[in-house]
């Protein structure tokens, strides 16, 4: 994510977002607050509909006296879109445990991509199967996991009004009758980037 940005555009502790990303986020946020530097609950929820159904929980984790400052939003985004240790630290701050963090990430992803309850549960079960019980190892687990970090980027990029990495392929011909959407996404996240955009299924009509 990481080009350097001037200190006039952001605070020194924001290190992973570049100047353009910070300026775009601030500009978008100011449109919703009429120039103020913080959002109330309603403004936060209307600004980040793609974080549903966890928008309110995220607001409550960040807000003080019913207000969420731009700086807190940017700091959260900077860490969640940064390295694995930063991601782990801030996910634990926001959601208390690694398993709860993954549950919330999957719920946002499932809501955004219209997964069924079964598909959502399949994805969560896949993520939890080797999750360490020691929370201090969460960052190392994220670093070595082929799917979880991509989900984090996809889910939380809307904090800076970006869409994040595309995780779901389009299909040339009919979609897969055998793979669920969650399974398709997991397989796709294991592929090289150049092979992710579109799949052509064997025996499909193209």
N, C-alpha and C. Protein backbone atom coordinates (compact mmCIF):
# COMPACT_ATOMS: atom_id res chain seq x y z
N UNK A 1 0.84 -1.19 0.00
CA UNK A 1 0.00 0.00 0.00
C UNK A 1 0.87 1.23 0.00
N UNK A 2 2.08 1.14 0.32
CA UNK A 2 2.97 2.00 0.96
C UNK A 2 3.80 3.09 0.47
N UNK A 3 3.46 4.00 -0.40
CA UNK A 3 4.32 5.13 -0.68
C UNK A 3 4.27 6.10 0.48
N UNK A 4 5.35 6.89 0.64
CA UNK A 4 5.40 7.85 1.72
C UNK A 4 4.46 9.01 1.43
N UNK A 5 3.98 9.64 2.50
CA UNK A 5 3.12 10.80 2.35
C UNK A 5 3.63 11.91 3.23
N UNK A 6 3.34 13.14 2.87
CA UNK A 6 3.83 14.29 3.61
C UNK A 6 3.12 14.40 4.94
N UNK A 7 3.78 15.01 5.92
CA UNK A 7 3.20 15.15 7.24
C UNK A 7 2.03 16.10 7.26
N UNK A 8 1.92 16.94 6.24
CA UNK A 8 0.78 17.85 6.18
C UNK A 8 -0.49 17.12 5.82
N UNK A 9 -0.37 15.95 5.17
CA UNK A 9 -1.55 15.23 4.73
C UNK A 9 -2.02 14.21 5.75
N UNK A 10 -1.12 13.74 6.62
CA UNK A 10 -1.52 12.73 7.58
C UNK A 10 -0.58 12.72 8.77
N UNK A 11 -1.00 12.08 9.83
CA UNK A 11 -0.17 12.00 11.01
C UNK A 11 0.97 11.01 10.80
N UNK A 12 2.11 11.19 11.51
CA UNK A 12 3.28 10.34 11.30
C UNK A 12 3.01 8.85 11.51
N UNK A 13 2.06 8.51 12.41
CA UNK A 13 1.85 7.09 12.69
C UNK A 13 1.15 6.35 11.55
N UNK A 14 0.59 7.09 10.60
CA UNK A 14 -0.01 6.45 9.44
C UNK A 14 1.09 6.20 8.42
N UNK A 15 1.45 4.94 8.21
CA UNK A 15 2.63 4.63 7.41
C UNK A 15 2.35 3.76 6.19
N UNK A 16 1.22 3.10 6.14
CA UNK A 16 0.95 2.18 5.04
C UNK A 16 0.11 2.80 3.92
N UNK A 17 -0.70 3.78 4.24
CA UNK A 17 -1.50 4.47 3.23
C UNK A 17 -0.67 5.56 2.59
N UNK A 18 -0.85 5.76 1.29
CA UNK A 18 -0.12 6.84 0.64
C UNK A 18 -0.91 8.14 0.70
N UNK A 19 -0.30 9.21 0.27
CA UNK A 19 -0.90 10.55 0.39
C UNK A 19 -2.23 10.63 -0.34
N UNK A 20 -2.28 10.07 -1.55
CA UNK A 20 -3.51 10.13 -2.34
C UNK A 20 -4.65 9.39 -1.65
N UNK A 21 -4.34 8.25 -1.04
CA UNK A 21 -5.37 7.48 -0.35
C UNK A 21 -5.92 8.25 0.85
N UNK A 22 -5.03 8.87 1.61
CA UNK A 22 -5.45 9.63 2.78
C UNK A 22 -6.30 10.83 2.36
N UNK A 23 -5.83 11.56 1.35
CA UNK A 23 -6.56 12.75 0.92
C UNK A 23 -7.94 12.39 0.37
N UNK A 24 -8.02 11.30 -0.39
CA UNK A 24 -9.31 10.87 -0.92
C UNK A 24 -10.26 10.50 0.21
N UNK A 25 -9.76 9.75 1.20
CA UNK A 25 -10.60 9.34 2.32
C UNK A 25 -11.11 10.55 3.09
N UNK A 26 -10.23 11.50 3.37
CA UNK A 26 -10.64 12.70 4.11
C UNK A 26 -11.66 13.50 3.32
N UNK A 27 -11.44 13.63 2.03
CA UNK A 27 -12.38 14.36 1.18
C UNK A 27 -13.76 13.71 1.20
N UNK A 28 -13.80 12.38 1.09
CA UNK A 28 -15.07 11.67 1.11
C UNK A 28 -15.76 11.80 2.46
N UNK A 29 -14.99 11.73 3.53
CA UNK A 29 -15.57 11.84 4.87
C UNK A 29 -16.12 13.23 5.12
N UNK A 30 -15.42 14.25 4.67
CA UNK A 30 -15.88 15.62 4.88
C UNK A 30 -17.19 15.91 4.16
N UNK A 31 -17.41 15.24 3.03
CA UNK A 31 -18.69 15.40 2.33
C UNK A 31 -19.85 14.97 3.21
N UNK A 32 -19.58 14.01 4.08
CA UNK A 32 -20.64 13.45 4.91
C UNK A 32 -20.81 14.17 6.24
N UNK A 33 -19.82 14.99 6.61
CA UNK A 33 -19.88 15.68 7.91
C UNK A 33 -19.96 17.19 7.76
N UNK A 34 -20.07 17.66 6.53
CA UNK A 34 -20.13 19.11 6.26
C UNK A 34 -18.92 19.84 6.85
N UNK A 35 -17.76 19.22 6.66
CA UNK A 35 -16.51 19.87 7.06
C UNK A 35 -16.00 19.51 8.43
N UNK A 36 -16.79 18.85 9.26
CA UNK A 36 -16.32 18.46 10.59
C UNK A 36 -15.33 17.30 10.48
N UNK A 37 -14.56 17.10 11.56
CA UNK A 37 -13.50 16.09 11.55
C UNK A 37 -13.89 14.79 12.24
N UNK A 38 -15.19 14.58 12.44
CA UNK A 38 -15.65 13.35 13.09
C UNK A 38 -17.05 13.01 12.59
N UNK A 39 -17.40 11.73 12.70
CA UNK A 39 -18.71 11.25 12.28
C UNK A 39 -19.50 10.74 13.48
N UNK A 40 -20.81 11.00 13.48
CA UNK A 40 -21.66 10.35 14.46
C UNK A 40 -22.05 8.97 13.93
N UNK A 41 -22.83 8.24 14.70
CA UNK A 41 -23.16 6.87 14.34
C UNK A 41 -23.86 6.80 12.97
N UNK A 42 -24.86 7.65 12.77
CA UNK A 42 -25.61 7.62 11.52
C UNK A 42 -24.72 7.94 10.33
N UNK A 43 -23.85 8.93 10.48
CA UNK A 43 -22.94 9.29 9.40
C UNK A 43 -21.96 8.17 9.11
N UNK A 44 -21.47 7.51 10.17
CA UNK A 44 -20.54 6.40 9.99
C UNK A 44 -21.21 5.25 9.23
N UNK A 45 -22.42 4.92 9.64
CA UNK A 45 -23.12 3.81 8.99
C UNK A 45 -23.45 4.11 7.54
N UNK A 46 -23.80 5.36 7.23
CA UNK A 46 -24.10 5.72 5.84
C UNK A 46 -22.82 5.83 5.01
N UNK A 47 -21.69 6.10 5.66
CA UNK A 47 -20.41 6.21 4.94
C UNK A 47 -19.83 4.84 4.59
N UNK A 48 -20.12 3.83 5.43
CA UNK A 48 -19.50 2.52 5.26
C UNK A 48 -20.53 1.40 5.19
N UNK A 49 -21.45 1.47 4.23
CA UNK A 49 -22.46 0.39 4.11
C UNK A 49 -21.83 -0.96 3.77
N UNK A 50 -20.64 -0.95 3.16
CA UNK A 50 -20.01 -2.21 2.79
C UNK A 50 -19.42 -2.95 3.99
N UNK A 51 -19.44 -2.32 5.16
CA UNK A 51 -18.98 -3.00 6.37
C UNK A 51 -20.12 -3.65 7.14
N UNK A 52 -21.33 -3.60 6.59
CA UNK A 52 -22.45 -4.29 7.21
C UNK A 52 -22.22 -5.81 7.17
N UNK A 53 -22.66 -6.55 8.18
CA UNK A 53 -23.50 -6.13 9.30
C UNK A 53 -22.71 -5.70 10.54
N UNK A 54 -21.42 -5.38 10.40
CA UNK A 54 -20.57 -5.06 11.54
C UNK A 54 -20.30 -3.56 11.67
N UNK A 55 -20.97 -2.74 10.88
CA UNK A 55 -20.69 -1.30 10.88
C UNK A 55 -20.86 -0.70 12.27
N UNK A 56 -21.95 -1.02 12.93
CA UNK A 56 -22.21 -0.46 14.26
C UNK A 56 -21.17 -0.92 15.26
N UNK A 57 -20.79 -2.18 15.22
CA UNK A 57 -19.77 -2.70 16.15
C UNK A 57 -18.43 -2.01 15.95
N UNK A 58 -18.07 -1.76 14.69
CA UNK A 58 -16.80 -1.07 14.41
C UNK A 58 -16.87 0.37 14.89
N UNK A 59 -18.00 1.02 14.67
CA UNK A 59 -18.16 2.39 15.17
C UNK A 59 -18.00 2.43 16.68
N UNK A 60 -18.65 1.52 17.38
CA UNK A 60 -18.58 1.51 18.84
C UNK A 60 -17.17 1.24 19.35
N UNK A 61 -16.40 0.46 18.60
CA UNK A 61 -15.02 0.18 18.99
C UNK A 61 -14.12 1.41 18.83
N UNK A 62 -14.49 2.31 17.93
CA UNK A 62 -13.66 3.48 17.63
C UNK A 62 -14.14 4.76 18.31
N UNK A 63 -15.44 4.87 18.55
CA UNK A 63 -16.03 6.16 18.93
C UNK A 63 -15.74 6.54 20.38
N UNK A 64 -15.70 7.84 20.61
CA UNK A 64 -15.65 8.42 21.94
C UNK A 64 -16.75 9.46 22.04
N UNK A 65 -17.60 9.30 23.03
CA UNK A 65 -18.72 10.23 23.25
C UNK A 65 -19.58 10.36 22.00
N UNK A 66 -19.80 9.23 21.34
CA UNK A 66 -20.69 9.21 20.19
C UNK A 66 -20.12 9.78 18.91
N UNK A 67 -18.80 10.02 18.89
CA UNK A 67 -18.15 10.58 17.71
C UNK A 67 -16.93 9.74 17.34
N UNK A 68 -16.76 9.51 16.04
CA UNK A 68 -15.59 8.78 15.54
C UNK A 68 -14.77 9.72 14.68
N UNK A 69 -13.57 10.04 15.12
CA UNK A 69 -12.74 11.01 14.42
C UNK A 69 -12.16 10.42 13.13
N UNK A 70 -11.87 11.30 12.18
CA UNK A 70 -11.23 10.87 10.94
C UNK A 70 -9.91 10.16 11.24
N UNK A 71 -9.16 10.70 12.21
CA UNK A 71 -7.84 10.14 12.50
C UNK A 71 -7.94 8.68 12.96
N UNK A 72 -8.98 8.35 13.71
CA UNK A 72 -9.14 6.96 14.16
C UNK A 72 -9.49 6.05 13.00
N UNK A 73 -10.32 6.54 12.09
CA UNK A 73 -10.67 5.75 10.91
C UNK A 73 -9.43 5.49 10.07
N UNK A 74 -8.64 6.54 9.86
CA UNK A 74 -7.43 6.40 9.05
C UNK A 74 -6.41 5.49 9.72
N UNK A 75 -6.29 5.58 11.04
CA UNK A 75 -5.34 4.73 11.75
C UNK A 75 -5.78 3.27 11.69
N UNK A 76 -7.08 3.03 11.82
CA UNK A 76 -7.60 1.67 11.69
C UNK A 76 -7.32 1.13 10.29
N UNK A 77 -7.64 1.93 9.27
CA UNK A 77 -7.41 1.49 7.89
C UNK A 77 -5.93 1.25 7.63
N UNK A 78 -5.09 2.13 8.14
CA UNK A 78 -3.65 2.02 7.93
C UNK A 78 -3.12 0.69 8.46
N UNK A 79 -3.61 0.28 9.61
CA UNK A 79 -3.14 -0.96 10.21
C UNK A 79 -3.78 -2.20 9.59
N UNK A 80 -5.08 -2.14 9.30
CA UNK A 80 -5.74 -3.30 8.71
C UNK A 80 -5.30 -3.53 7.27
N UNK A 81 -4.82 -2.49 6.61
CA UNK A 81 -4.32 -2.64 5.24
C UNK A 81 -2.80 -2.70 5.21
N UNK A 82 -2.19 -2.93 6.38
CA UNK A 82 -0.74 -2.99 6.48
C UNK A 82 -0.22 -4.42 6.59
N UNK A 83 0.83 -4.62 7.40
CA UNK A 83 1.42 -5.96 7.51
C UNK A 83 0.62 -6.83 8.47
N UNK A 84 0.99 -8.10 8.54
CA UNK A 84 0.20 -9.07 9.30
C UNK A 84 0.18 -8.77 10.80
N UNK A 85 1.28 -8.29 11.35
CA UNK A 85 1.30 -7.98 12.78
C UNK A 85 0.40 -6.80 13.10
N UNK A 86 0.40 -5.79 12.23
CA UNK A 86 -0.50 -4.65 12.42
C UNK A 86 -1.95 -5.09 12.30
N UNK A 87 -2.22 -5.93 11.31
CA UNK A 87 -3.58 -6.44 11.13
C UNK A 87 -4.03 -7.19 12.38
N UNK A 88 -3.18 -8.08 12.87
CA UNK A 88 -3.54 -8.89 14.04
C UNK A 88 -3.80 -8.01 15.25
N UNK A 89 -2.94 -7.03 15.49
CA UNK A 89 -3.07 -6.16 16.65
C UNK A 89 -4.40 -5.42 16.64
N UNK A 90 -4.75 -4.86 15.49
CA UNK A 90 -5.96 -4.04 15.42
C UNK A 90 -7.22 -4.88 15.31
N UNK A 91 -7.14 -6.05 14.74
CA UNK A 91 -8.29 -6.95 14.75
C UNK A 91 -8.61 -7.39 16.17
N UNK A 92 -7.58 -7.66 16.96
CA UNK A 92 -7.80 -8.05 18.35
C UNK A 92 -8.32 -6.88 19.17
N UNK A 93 -7.85 -5.66 18.87
CA UNK A 93 -8.38 -4.48 19.57
C UNK A 93 -9.87 -4.29 19.29
N UNK A 94 -10.24 -4.51 18.04
CA UNK A 94 -11.62 -4.26 17.63
C UNK A 94 -12.57 -5.38 18.04
N UNK A 95 -12.08 -6.64 17.99
CA UNK A 95 -13.00 -7.79 18.15
C UNK A 95 -12.62 -8.72 19.31
N UNK A 96 -11.60 -8.38 20.08
CA UNK A 96 -11.20 -9.08 21.30
C UNK A 96 -10.46 -10.40 21.09
N UNK A 97 -10.95 -11.29 20.23
CA UNK A 97 -10.27 -12.57 20.01
C UNK A 97 -10.09 -12.80 18.51
N UNK A 98 -9.14 -13.65 18.16
CA UNK A 98 -8.89 -13.92 16.74
C UNK A 98 -10.06 -14.66 16.10
N UNK A 99 -10.68 -15.58 16.84
CA UNK A 99 -11.82 -16.30 16.27
C UNK A 99 -13.00 -15.37 16.04
N UNK A 100 -13.23 -14.44 16.97
CA UNK A 100 -14.30 -13.47 16.79
C UNK A 100 -13.99 -12.54 15.62
N UNK A 101 -12.72 -12.16 15.48
CA UNK A 101 -12.33 -11.30 14.36
C UNK A 101 -12.62 -11.99 13.03
N UNK A 102 -12.25 -13.26 12.91
CA UNK A 102 -12.51 -14.00 11.67
C UNK A 102 -14.00 -14.16 11.42
N UNK A 103 -14.75 -14.39 12.48
CA UNK A 103 -16.21 -14.50 12.34
C UNK A 103 -16.80 -13.20 11.79
N UNK A 104 -16.31 -12.06 12.28
CA UNK A 104 -16.81 -10.76 11.82
C UNK A 104 -16.38 -10.48 10.38
N UNK A 105 -15.14 -10.84 10.04
CA UNK A 105 -14.65 -10.65 8.67
C UNK A 105 -15.50 -11.47 7.69
N UNK A 106 -15.76 -12.72 8.05
CA UNK A 106 -16.57 -13.58 7.18
C UNK A 106 -17.99 -13.04 7.06
N UNK A 107 -18.54 -12.53 8.15
CA UNK A 107 -19.91 -12.02 8.10
C UNK A 107 -20.01 -10.82 7.16
N UNK A 108 -18.99 -9.95 7.16
CA UNK A 108 -18.97 -8.81 6.25
C UNK A 108 -18.82 -9.29 4.81
N UNK A 109 -17.88 -10.19 4.60
CA UNK A 109 -17.66 -10.72 3.25
C UNK A 109 -18.91 -11.42 2.73
N UNK A 110 -19.54 -12.22 3.57
CA UNK A 110 -20.74 -12.96 3.16
C UNK A 110 -21.89 -12.01 2.84
N UNK A 111 -22.06 -10.98 3.65
CA UNK A 111 -23.13 -10.01 3.41
C UNK A 111 -22.90 -9.27 2.10
N UNK A 112 -21.66 -8.86 1.88
CA UNK A 112 -21.33 -8.08 0.67
C UNK A 112 -21.48 -8.91 -0.59
N UNK A 113 -21.15 -10.19 -0.50
CA UNK A 113 -21.16 -11.05 -1.68
C UNK A 113 -22.37 -11.98 -1.74
N UNK A 114 -23.33 -11.75 -0.83
CA UNK A 114 -24.61 -12.46 -0.84
C UNK A 114 -24.43 -13.98 -0.75
N UNK A 115 -23.56 -14.41 0.16
CA UNK A 115 -23.40 -15.84 0.40
C UNK A 115 -24.57 -16.37 1.22
N UNK A 116 -24.87 -17.62 1.05
CA UNK A 116 -25.86 -18.26 1.91
C UNK A 116 -25.24 -18.53 3.28
N UNK A 117 -26.08 -18.85 4.24
CA UNK A 117 -25.57 -19.20 5.58
C UNK A 117 -24.63 -20.39 5.50
N UNK A 118 -24.97 -21.36 4.68
CA UNK A 118 -24.11 -22.54 4.53
C UNK A 118 -22.76 -22.17 3.94
N UNK A 119 -22.76 -21.32 2.92
CA UNK A 119 -21.49 -20.90 2.30
C UNK A 119 -20.65 -20.10 3.29
N UNK A 120 -21.30 -19.23 4.05
CA UNK A 120 -20.60 -18.44 5.06
C UNK A 120 -19.97 -19.35 6.12
N UNK A 121 -20.72 -20.33 6.58
CA UNK A 121 -20.20 -21.26 7.59
C UNK A 121 -19.04 -22.09 7.04
N UNK A 122 -19.12 -22.48 5.77
CA UNK A 122 -18.03 -23.23 5.15
C UNK A 122 -16.73 -22.41 5.15
N UNK A 123 -16.85 -21.14 4.81
CA UNK A 123 -15.67 -20.28 4.77
C UNK A 123 -15.10 -20.08 6.16
N UNK A 124 -15.96 -19.85 7.14
CA UNK A 124 -15.48 -19.66 8.51
C UNK A 124 -14.82 -20.94 9.03
N UNK A 125 -15.42 -22.08 8.77
CA UNK A 125 -14.82 -23.35 9.22
C UNK A 125 -13.44 -23.55 8.60
N UNK A 126 -13.30 -23.18 7.33
CA UNK A 126 -12.01 -23.31 6.66
C UNK A 126 -10.95 -22.45 7.35
N UNK A 127 -11.33 -21.23 7.75
CA UNK A 127 -10.37 -20.33 8.39
C UNK A 127 -10.02 -20.78 9.81
N UNK A 128 -10.99 -21.35 10.51
CA UNK A 128 -10.78 -21.69 11.91
C UNK A 128 -10.03 -23.00 12.12
N UNK A 129 -9.90 -23.81 11.08
CA UNK A 129 -9.41 -25.17 11.26
C UNK A 129 -8.01 -25.22 11.86
N UNK A 130 -7.13 -24.28 11.51
CA UNK A 130 -5.78 -24.30 12.06
C UNK A 130 -5.43 -23.01 12.80
N UNK A 131 -6.45 -22.25 13.20
CA UNK A 131 -6.21 -21.01 13.95
C UNK A 131 -5.62 -21.33 15.31
N UNK A 132 -4.47 -20.75 15.67
CA UNK A 132 -3.87 -21.06 16.97
C UNK A 132 -4.70 -20.51 18.12
N UNK A 133 -4.72 -21.23 19.23
CA UNK A 133 -5.44 -20.75 20.41
C UNK A 133 -4.67 -19.65 21.13
N UNK A 134 -3.37 -19.59 20.92
CA UNK A 134 -2.53 -18.54 21.50
C UNK A 134 -2.67 -17.27 20.66
N UNK A 135 -3.31 -16.24 21.23
CA UNK A 135 -3.56 -15.02 20.47
C UNK A 135 -2.28 -14.30 20.04
N UNK A 136 -1.18 -14.53 20.76
CA UNK A 136 0.07 -13.88 20.39
C UNK A 136 0.63 -14.41 19.07
N UNK A 137 0.10 -15.54 18.60
CA UNK A 137 0.56 -16.13 17.33
C UNK A 137 -0.35 -15.76 16.16
N UNK A 138 -1.33 -14.92 16.42
CA UNK A 138 -2.30 -14.57 15.38
C UNK A 138 -1.62 -13.88 14.20
N UNK A 139 -0.70 -12.97 14.47
CA UNK A 139 0.00 -12.26 13.39
C UNK A 139 0.81 -13.21 12.53
N UNK A 140 1.51 -14.14 13.16
CA UNK A 140 2.30 -15.12 12.41
C UNK A 140 1.39 -16.01 11.58
N UNK A 141 0.23 -16.37 12.15
CA UNK A 141 -0.74 -17.20 11.41
C UNK A 141 -1.24 -16.45 10.18
N UNK A 142 -1.58 -15.16 10.35
CA UNK A 142 -2.03 -14.36 9.21
C UNK A 142 -0.96 -14.31 8.12
N UNK A 143 0.29 -14.13 8.54
CA UNK A 143 1.39 -14.02 7.59
C UNK A 143 1.49 -15.26 6.70
N UNK A 144 1.25 -16.43 7.27
CA UNK A 144 1.42 -17.66 6.51
C UNK A 144 0.16 -18.20 5.87
N UNK A 145 -0.96 -17.54 6.11
CA UNK A 145 -2.23 -18.08 5.59
C UNK A 145 -2.49 -17.59 4.17
N UNK A 146 -2.91 -18.47 3.26
CA UNK A 146 -3.09 -18.07 1.86
C UNK A 146 -4.36 -17.26 1.60
N UNK A 147 -5.32 -17.28 2.53
CA UNK A 147 -6.62 -16.67 2.27
C UNK A 147 -6.94 -15.51 3.20
N UNK A 148 -6.71 -15.68 4.49
CA UNK A 148 -7.16 -14.69 5.49
C UNK A 148 -6.68 -13.27 5.21
N UNK A 149 -5.38 -13.04 4.89
CA UNK A 149 -4.95 -11.66 4.64
C UNK A 149 -5.66 -11.02 3.45
N UNK A 150 -5.96 -11.81 2.42
CA UNK A 150 -6.67 -11.28 1.27
C UNK A 150 -8.10 -10.89 1.64
N UNK A 151 -8.71 -11.68 2.52
CA UNK A 151 -10.04 -11.34 3.00
C UNK A 151 -10.02 -10.04 3.79
N UNK A 152 -9.00 -9.87 4.63
CA UNK A 152 -8.88 -8.64 5.42
C UNK A 152 -8.80 -7.42 4.50
N UNK A 153 -7.96 -7.49 3.48
CA UNK A 153 -7.82 -6.37 2.54
C UNK A 153 -9.13 -6.12 1.80
N UNK A 154 -9.77 -7.19 1.34
CA UNK A 154 -11.02 -7.05 0.60
C UNK A 154 -12.11 -6.43 1.49
N UNK A 155 -12.21 -6.91 2.72
CA UNK A 155 -13.28 -6.48 3.61
C UNK A 155 -13.11 -5.04 4.07
N UNK A 156 -11.86 -4.63 4.37
CA UNK A 156 -11.66 -3.33 5.02
C UNK A 156 -11.19 -2.21 4.09
N UNK A 157 -10.94 -2.49 2.82
CA UNK A 157 -10.58 -1.42 1.89
C UNK A 157 -11.63 -0.32 1.79
N UNK A 158 -12.93 -0.61 1.97
CA UNK A 158 -13.92 0.48 1.96
C UNK A 158 -13.70 1.54 3.03
N UNK A 159 -12.88 1.27 4.05
CA UNK A 159 -12.56 2.31 5.03
C UNK A 159 -11.91 3.51 4.37
N UNK A 160 -11.21 3.28 3.24
CA UNK A 160 -10.62 4.40 2.49
C UNK A 160 -11.28 4.51 1.11
N UNK A 161 -12.51 3.99 1.02
CA UNK A 161 -13.33 4.13 -0.19
C UNK A 161 -12.68 3.49 -1.42
N UNK A 162 -12.05 2.33 -1.17
CA UNK A 162 -11.53 1.50 -2.24
C UNK A 162 -12.22 0.14 -2.19
N UNK A 163 -12.11 -0.62 -3.28
CA UNK A 163 -12.80 -1.90 -3.34
C UNK A 163 -11.94 -3.07 -2.88
N UNK A 164 -10.63 -2.90 -2.83
CA UNK A 164 -9.76 -4.00 -2.41
C UNK A 164 -9.59 -5.03 -3.51
N UNK A 165 -8.83 -6.10 -3.23
CA UNK A 165 -8.59 -7.13 -4.25
C UNK A 165 -9.88 -7.86 -4.62
N UNK A 166 -10.01 -8.18 -5.90
CA UNK A 166 -11.15 -8.96 -6.36
C UNK A 166 -10.92 -10.42 -6.04
N UNK A 167 -11.81 -11.01 -5.28
CA UNK A 167 -11.61 -12.39 -4.82
C UNK A 167 -12.43 -13.41 -5.59
N UNK A 168 -13.46 -12.96 -6.28
CA UNK A 168 -14.36 -13.88 -6.96
C UNK A 168 -14.18 -13.79 -8.47
N UNK A 169 -13.97 -14.92 -9.14
CA UNK A 169 -13.80 -14.89 -10.59
C UNK A 169 -15.14 -14.75 -11.30
N UNK A 170 -15.08 -14.28 -12.53
CA UNK A 170 -16.24 -14.40 -13.41
C UNK A 170 -16.07 -15.68 -14.21
N UNK A 171 -17.15 -16.19 -14.77
CA UNK A 171 -17.10 -17.45 -15.49
C UNK A 171 -17.40 -17.24 -16.96
N UNK A 172 -16.54 -17.82 -17.81
CA UNK A 172 -16.83 -17.89 -19.24
C UNK A 172 -17.71 -19.12 -19.44
N UNK A 173 -18.95 -18.91 -19.78
CA UNK A 173 -19.91 -20.00 -19.80
C UNK A 173 -20.69 -20.01 -18.51
N UNK A 174 -21.29 -21.12 -18.17
CA UNK A 174 -22.09 -21.21 -16.95
C UNK A 174 -21.19 -21.26 -15.73
N UNK A 175 -21.74 -20.82 -14.58
CA UNK A 175 -20.97 -20.88 -13.34
C UNK A 175 -20.87 -22.32 -12.86
N UNK A 176 -19.97 -22.53 -11.91
CA UNK A 176 -19.69 -23.89 -11.44
C UNK A 176 -20.90 -24.49 -10.73
N UNK A 177 -21.37 -25.67 -11.18
CA UNK A 177 -22.49 -26.32 -10.49
C UNK A 177 -22.04 -27.12 -9.27
N UNK A 178 -20.75 -27.33 -9.13
CA UNK A 178 -20.24 -28.20 -8.07
C UNK A 178 -19.61 -27.44 -6.92
N UNK A 179 -19.06 -26.25 -7.16
CA UNK A 179 -18.40 -25.49 -6.11
C UNK A 179 -19.33 -24.40 -5.57
N UNK A 180 -19.38 -24.26 -4.25
CA UNK A 180 -20.10 -23.14 -3.66
C UNK A 180 -19.33 -21.86 -3.94
N UNK A 181 -19.96 -20.72 -3.71
CA UNK A 181 -19.28 -19.45 -3.95
C UNK A 181 -18.11 -19.25 -2.98
N UNK A 182 -18.25 -19.72 -1.76
CA UNK A 182 -17.14 -19.60 -0.82
C UNK A 182 -15.98 -20.49 -1.25
N UNK A 183 -16.27 -21.71 -1.71
CA UNK A 183 -15.21 -22.60 -2.19
C UNK A 183 -14.54 -22.04 -3.43
N UNK A 184 -15.33 -21.46 -4.32
CA UNK A 184 -14.77 -20.84 -5.52
C UNK A 184 -13.81 -19.72 -5.16
N UNK A 185 -14.20 -18.88 -4.19
CA UNK A 185 -13.34 -17.78 -3.76
C UNK A 185 -12.04 -18.29 -3.15
N UNK A 186 -12.13 -19.33 -2.33
CA UNK A 186 -10.92 -19.89 -1.70
C UNK A 186 -9.97 -20.45 -2.75
N UNK A 187 -10.51 -21.21 -3.71
CA UNK A 187 -9.66 -21.73 -4.79
C UNK A 187 -9.04 -20.58 -5.56
N UNK A 188 -9.83 -19.57 -5.86
CA UNK A 188 -9.34 -18.42 -6.64
C UNK A 188 -8.20 -17.70 -5.93
N UNK A 189 -8.28 -17.61 -4.60
CA UNK A 189 -7.25 -16.91 -3.83
C UNK A 189 -5.94 -17.68 -3.78
N UNK A 190 -5.97 -18.95 -4.17
CA UNK A 190 -4.73 -19.74 -4.25
C UNK A 190 -4.06 -19.63 -5.62
N UNK A 191 -4.73 -19.02 -6.58
CA UNK A 191 -4.20 -18.95 -7.94
C UNK A 191 -3.31 -17.72 -8.13
N UNK A 192 -2.39 -17.77 -9.10
CA UNK A 192 -1.63 -16.56 -9.46
C UNK A 192 -2.60 -15.47 -9.92
N UNK A 193 -2.23 -14.22 -9.70
CA UNK A 193 -3.12 -13.09 -10.01
C UNK A 193 -3.60 -13.11 -11.45
N UNK A 194 -2.72 -13.48 -12.38
CA UNK A 194 -3.09 -13.42 -13.80
C UNK A 194 -4.13 -14.47 -14.18
N UNK A 195 -4.37 -15.43 -13.31
CA UNK A 195 -5.34 -16.48 -13.62
C UNK A 195 -6.64 -16.34 -12.82
N UNK A 196 -6.79 -15.23 -12.12
CA UNK A 196 -7.94 -15.10 -11.22
C UNK A 196 -9.17 -14.47 -11.85
N UNK A 197 -8.99 -13.61 -12.82
CA UNK A 197 -10.10 -12.76 -13.27
C UNK A 197 -11.25 -13.56 -13.85
N UNK A 198 -10.93 -14.51 -14.71
CA UNK A 198 -12.00 -15.26 -15.37
C UNK A 198 -11.64 -16.73 -15.44
N UNK A 199 -12.63 -17.57 -15.14
CA UNK A 199 -12.47 -19.02 -15.26
C UNK A 199 -13.27 -19.51 -16.47
N UNK A 200 -12.71 -20.48 -17.16
CA UNK A 200 -13.47 -21.22 -18.17
C UNK A 200 -13.58 -22.66 -17.70
N UNK A 201 -14.78 -23.10 -17.45
CA UNK A 201 -14.98 -24.45 -16.93
C UNK A 201 -14.92 -25.47 -18.05
N UNK A 202 -14.35 -26.63 -17.76
CA UNK A 202 -14.37 -27.73 -18.73
C UNK A 202 -15.82 -28.10 -19.05
N UNK A 203 -16.06 -28.34 -20.32
CA UNK A 203 -17.38 -28.75 -20.81
C UNK A 203 -18.42 -27.63 -20.77
N UNK A 204 -17.98 -26.38 -20.50
CA UNK A 204 -18.95 -25.28 -20.55
C UNK A 204 -19.03 -24.74 -21.96
N UNK A 205 -20.13 -24.11 -22.27
CA UNK A 205 -20.29 -23.47 -23.58
C UNK A 205 -19.85 -22.02 -23.46
N UNK A 206 -18.91 -21.61 -24.29
CA UNK A 206 -18.38 -20.25 -24.24
C UNK A 206 -18.63 -19.56 -25.56
